[in-house]
Amino acid sequence: MAKTGKSIDDYGLPIYRRDKWTCQYCGFRGHDPVTFRFLSVDHVVRKADGGPDAPSNLVTACRACNDYFNRRSFSGFEEKREAIRERLELEADAFRRLVEPTLRRPEM
């Protein structure tokens, strides 16, 4: 079976250590065997847009943040982080409106 992609040994571990096992977009922490599996290494400038595998173009990201804009191009980390934070805020607002009321216990 052919190997696809890069493994954690190729560039992940140094990036995770540098970023303290924390998503650089939303702050999710992957510090144990359960939460670690939700981390990934994200190319700030996509490989499809010529982004290198250099540490300066790689950040630790949770899988949700890594997937949010994987088909959109960004000029750099700050622009991408701002777009992700805006989307997270929209989703948090939707959660507060739609889900939180159903989670409240009825008063007795």
C-alpha atoms as a PDB file:
ATOM      1  CA  MET A   1       0.000   0.000   0.000  1.00  0.00           C
ATOM      2  CA  ALA A   2       1.415   3.389  -0.977  1.00  0.00           C
ATOM      3  CA  LYS A   3       2.047   5.922   1.751  1.00  0.00           C
ATOM      4  CA  THR A   4       0.142   9.164   1.351  1.00  0.00           C
ATOM      5  CA  GLY A   5       0.689  12.453   3.120  1.00  0.00           C
ATOM      6  CA  LYS A   6       3.210  13.210   5.809  1.00  0.00           C
ATOM      7  CA  SER A   7       3.347  11.558   9.201  1.00  0.00           C
ATOM      8  CA  ILE A   8       3.737  13.179  12.600  1.00  0.00           C
ATOM      9  CA  ASP A   9       7.414  12.232  12.430  1.00  0.00           C
ATOM     10  CA  ASP A  10       7.861  14.217   9.208  1.00  0.00           C
ATOM     11  CA  TYR A  11       6.887  17.597  10.654  1.00  0.00           C
ATOM     12  CA  GLY A  12       4.047  17.287  13.146  1.00  0.00           C
ATOM     13  CA  LEU A  13       5.838  16.696  16.404  1.00  0.00           C
ATOM     14  CA  PRO A  14       8.090  19.782  16.265  1.00  0.00           C
ATOM     15  CA  ILE A  15       5.079  21.939  15.306  1.00  0.00           C
ATOM     16  CA  TYR A  16       2.899  20.504  18.098  1.00  0.00           C
ATOM     17  CA  ARG A  17       5.690  21.104  20.620  1.00  0.00           C
ATOM     18  CA  ARG A  18       6.327  24.656  19.381  1.00  0.00           C
ATOM     19  CA  ASP A  19       2.608  25.457  19.636  1.00  0.00           C
ATOM     20  CA  LYS A  20       2.263  23.730  23.020  1.00  0.00           C
ATOM     21  CA  TRP A  21      -0.257  21.174  21.699  1.00  0.00           C
ATOM     22  CA  THR A  22      -2.801  23.967  21.215  1.00  0.00           C
ATOM     23  CA  CYS A  23      -4.842  24.999  18.167  1.00  0.00           C
ATOM     24  CA  GLN A  24      -3.446  28.357  17.082  1.00  0.00           C
ATOM     25  CA  TYR A  25      -6.854  29.476  15.776  1.00  0.00           C
ATOM     26  CA  CYS A  26      -9.326  28.657  18.570  1.00  0.00           C
ATOM     27  CA  GLY A  27      -7.174  27.605  21.539  1.00  0.00           C
ATOM     28  CA  PHE A  28      -8.312  23.954  21.722  1.00  0.00           C
ATOM     29  CA  ARG A  29      -5.785  21.969  23.760  1.00  0.00           C
ATOM     30  CA  GLY A  30      -4.794  18.427  22.780  1.00  0.00           C
ATOM     31  CA  HIS A  31      -2.768  17.442  25.826  1.00  0.00           C
ATOM     32  CA  ASP A  32      -3.846  13.832  26.381  1.00  0.00           C
ATOM     33  CA  PRO A  33      -4.381  10.695  24.286  1.00  0.00           C
ATOM     34  CA  VAL A  34      -8.094  11.454  23.833  1.00  0.00           C
ATOM     35  CA  THR A  35      -7.873  15.119  22.788  1.00  0.00           C
ATOM     36  CA  PHE A  36      -4.576  14.782  20.901  1.00  0.00           C
ATOM     37  CA  ARG A  37      -6.326  12.904  18.089  1.00  0.00           C
ATOM     38  CA  PHE A  38      -8.289  16.072  17.284  1.00  0.00           C
ATOM     39  CA  LEU A  39      -5.113  18.002  16.424  1.00  0.00           C
ATOM     40  CA  SER A  40      -3.568  18.361  12.992  1.00  0.00           C
ATOM     41  CA  VAL A  41      -0.888  20.412  11.287  1.00  0.00           C
ATOM     42  CA  ASP A  42      -2.285  23.157   9.061  1.00  0.00           C
ATOM     43  CA  HIS A  43      -0.584  24.886   6.155  1.00  0.00           C
ATOM     44  CA  VAL A  44      -1.372  28.591   6.610  1.00  0.00           C
ATOM     45  CA  VAL A  45      -0.757  29.175   2.908  1.00  0.00           C
ATOM     46  CA  ARG A  46      -2.163  26.085   1.213  1.00  0.00           C
ATOM     47  CA  LYS A  47       0.184  23.729  -0.582  1.00  0.00           C
ATOM     48  CA  ALA A  48      -2.060  24.161  -3.643  1.00  0.00           C
ATOM     49  CA  ASP A  49      -1.166  27.871  -3.546  1.00  0.00           C
ATOM     50  CA  GLY A  50       2.557  27.178  -3.256  1.00  0.00           C
ATOM     51  CA  GLY A  51       2.772  27.118   0.537  1.00  0.00           C
ATOM     52  CA  PRO A  52       5.857  25.251   1.738  1.00  0.00           C
ATOM     53  CA  ASP A  53       6.193  22.585   4.429  1.00  0.00           C
ATOM     54  CA  ALA A  54       8.433  25.035   6.312  1.00  0.00           C
ATOM     55  CA  PRO A  55       7.736  25.569  10.029  1.00  0.00           C
ATOM     56  CA  SER A  56       6.961  29.229   9.318  1.00  0.00           C
ATOM     57  CA  ASN A  57       3.953  28.085   7.227  1.00  0.00           C
ATOM     58  CA  LEU A  58       2.752  25.354   9.597  1.00  0.00           C
ATOM     59  CA  VAL A  59       0.623  25.679  12.730  1.00  0.00           C
ATOM     60  CA  THR A  60      -1.129  23.315  15.080  1.00  0.00           C
ATOM     61  CA  ALA A  61      -4.864  23.340  14.378  1.00  0.00           C
ATOM     62  CA  CYS A  62      -7.767  21.333  15.687  1.00  0.00           C
ATOM     63  CA  ARG A  63      -9.415  19.350  12.933  1.00  0.00           C
ATOM     64  CA  ALA A  64     -12.471  21.637  12.912  1.00  0.00           C
ATOM     65  CA  CYS A  65     -10.399  24.786  12.332  1.00  0.00           C
ATOM     66  CA  ASN A  66      -8.228  23.005   9.783  1.00  0.00           C
ATOM     67  CA  ASP A  67     -11.333  21.975   7.842  1.00  0.00           C
ATOM     68  CA  TYR A  68     -13.182  25.324   7.989  1.00  0.00           C
ATOM     69  CA  PHE A  69     -11.443  26.993   5.087  1.00  0.00           C
ATOM     70  CA  ASN A  70      -9.365  24.264   3.486  1.00  0.00           C
ATOM     71  CA  ARG A  71     -10.443  25.381  -0.018  1.00  0.00           C
ATOM     72  CA  ARG A  72      -9.981  29.105   0.553  1.00  0.00           C
ATOM     73  CA  SER A  73      -6.701  30.948   0.098  1.00  0.00           C
ATOM     74  CA  PHE A  74      -5.252  33.284   2.719  1.00  0.00           C
ATOM     75  CA  SER A  75      -2.246  35.559   2.551  1.00  0.00           C
ATOM     76  CA  GLY A  76      -1.099  34.701   6.053  1.00  0.00           C
ATOM     77  CA  PHE A  77      -1.814  33.466   9.550  1.00  0.00           C
ATOM     78  CA  GLU A  78      -3.558  36.587  10.894  1.00  0.00           C
ATOM     79  CA  GLU A  79      -6.031  36.720   7.996  1.00  0.00           C
ATOM     80  CA  LYS A  80      -6.860  33.023   8.357  1.00  0.00           C
ATOM     81  CA  ARG A  81      -7.154  33.187  12.147  1.00  0.00           C
ATOM     82  CA  GLU A  82      -9.534  36.149  11.919  1.00  0.00           C
ATOM     83  CA  ALA A  83     -11.752  34.336   9.375  1.00  0.00           C
ATOM     84  CA  ILE A  84     -11.881  31.250  11.596  1.00  0.00           C
ATOM     85  CA  ARG A  85     -12.646  33.278  14.723  1.00  0.00           C
ATOM     86  CA  GLU A  86     -15.490  35.062  12.924  1.00  0.00           C
ATOM     87  CA  ARG A  87     -16.939  31.705  11.889  1.00  0.00           C
ATOM     88  CA  LEU A  88     -16.568  30.325  15.418  1.00  0.00           C
ATOM     89  CA  GLU A  89     -18.431  33.338  16.793  1.00  0.00           C
ATOM     90  CA  LEU A  90     -21.270  32.849  14.292  1.00  0.00           C
ATOM     91  CA  GLU A  91     -21.532  29.202  15.296  1.00  0.00           C
ATOM     92  CA  ALA A  92     -21.477  30.117  18.997  1.00  0.00           C
ATOM     93  CA  ASP A  93     -24.305  32.601  18.408  1.00  0.00           C
ATOM     94  CA  ALA A  94     -26.322  29.934  16.602  1.00  0.00           C
ATOM     95  CA  PHE A  95     -25.686  27.500  19.455  1.00  0.00           C
ATOM     96  CA  ARG A  96     -26.822  30.038  22.036  1.00  0.00           C
ATOM     97  CA  ARG A  97     -30.000  30.771  20.063  1.00  0.00           C
ATOM     98  CA  LEU A  98     -30.935  27.262  19.032  1.00  0.00           C
ATOM     99  CA  VAL A  99     -29.492  24.758  21.464  1.00  0.00           C
ATOM    100  CA  GLU A 100     -28.982  26.401  24.853  1.00  0.00           C
ATOM    101  CA  PRO A 101     -32.707  26.943  25.522  1.00  0.00           C
ATOM    102  CA  THR A 102     -33.307  23.202  25.166  1.00  0.00           C
ATOM    103  CA  LEU A 103     -30.472  22.427  27.603  1.00  0.00           C
ATOM    104  CA  ARG A 104     -31.916  24.485  30.447  1.00  0.00           C
ATOM    105  CA  ARG A 105     -33.706  22.595  33.195  1.00  0.00           C
ATOM    106  CA  PRO A 106     -37.303  23.535  33.771  1.00  0.00           C
ATOM    107  CA  GLU A 107     -37.806  25.431  36.997  1.00  0.00           C
ATOM    108  CA  MET A 108     -39.756  23.632  39.684  1.00  0.00           C
END
